[in-house]
Amino acid sequence: MTALVNQDQLMEWTAFKQRGALEVWLKKNRVNYTYGKGNKIITTLAAINKALLGEAVSNEEENDFT
């Protein structure tokens, strides 16, 4: 399993103040994400790297949210 990145971390890293803006940004940048406890956004470092850096990830990591 890869490292999880939660909504609070994503908002801090991207400097978004509103969840809706964060979701739009994630979709625009093709970062796969889902919702965790409390309906908060979660993703993985592998999903972020794949979308933003074009890095290849292993099949196990790639299937985290598909």
Protein backbone atom coordinates (compact mmCIF):
# COMPACT_ATOMS: atom_id res chain seq x y z
CA MET A 1 0.00 0.00 0.00
CA THR A 2 1.21 3.47 -0.80
CA ALA A 3 1.28 6.52 1.43
CA LEU A 4 -2.10 8.21 1.76
CA VAL A 5 -2.47 11.95 1.35
CA ASN A 6 -5.49 13.50 3.06
CA GLN A 7 -7.58 16.55 2.24
CA ASP A 8 -5.88 18.76 4.82
CA GLN A 9 -2.45 17.96 3.37
CA LEU A 10 -3.66 18.55 -0.18
CA MET A 11 -5.17 21.91 0.75
CA GLU A 12 -1.97 22.95 2.50
CA TRP A 13 0.23 21.87 -0.42
CA THR A 14 -1.95 23.54 -3.06
CA ALA A 15 -2.94 26.60 -0.97
CA PHE A 16 -6.63 26.10 -1.75
CA LYS A 17 -9.01 27.29 0.95
CA GLN A 18 -12.15 25.64 -0.46
CA ARG A 19 -12.67 21.94 -0.99
CA GLY A 20 -14.54 22.53 -4.26
CA ALA A 21 -11.56 24.34 -5.74
CA LEU A 22 -9.31 21.46 -4.68
CA GLU A 23 -11.61 18.92 -6.36
CA VAL A 24 -11.62 20.94 -9.59
CA TRP A 25 -7.82 21.09 -9.52
CA LEU A 26 -7.50 17.34 -8.86
CA LYS A 27 -9.84 16.55 -11.77
CA LYS A 28 -8.09 19.00 -14.09
CA ASN A 29 -4.74 17.42 -13.28
CA ARG A 30 -6.13 13.88 -13.52
CA VAL A 31 -5.22 12.94 -9.97
CA ASN A 32 -7.30 9.93 -8.92
CA TYR A 33 -8.92 10.41 -5.53
CA THR A 34 -11.73 9.10 -3.38
CA TYR A 35 -13.46 9.99 -0.14
CA GLY A 36 -12.53 8.74 3.29
CA LYS A 37 -13.93 9.14 6.77
CA GLY A 38 -16.03 12.26 7.16
CA ASN A 39 -16.37 12.43 3.36
CA LYS A 40 -12.90 14.00 3.13
CA ILE A 41 -10.77 13.68 0.00
CA ILE A 42 -7.94 11.17 0.05
CA THR A 43 -5.45 10.06 -2.56
CA THR A 44 -1.99 8.49 -2.67
CA LEU A 45 1.46 9.80 -3.42
CA ALA A 46 1.58 7.35 -6.32
CA ALA A 47 -1.59 8.86 -7.84
CA ILE A 48 -0.17 12.37 -7.49
CA ASN A 49 3.20 11.38 -8.97
CA LYS A 50 1.58 9.54 -11.87
CA ALA A 51 -0.65 12.48 -12.76
CA LEU A 52 1.73 15.37 -12.21
CA LEU A 53 5.12 13.86 -13.01
CA GLY A 54 4.12 11.16 -15.45
CA GLU A 55 6.03 8.63 -13.36
CA ALA A 56 5.38 4.97 -13.92
CA VAL A 57 3.96 3.19 -10.92
CA SER A 58 3.71 -0.51 -10.21
CA ASN A 59 0.46 -2.31 -10.96
CA GLU A 60 -0.27 -2.57 -7.23
CA GLU A 61 0.05 1.19 -6.74
CA GLU A 62 -1.82 1.99 -9.94
CA ASN A 63 -4.88 0.06 -8.79
CA ASP A 64 -5.20 1.83 -5.44
CA PHE A 65 -8.30 3.84 -6.48
CA THR A 66 -9.50 2.21 -9.67
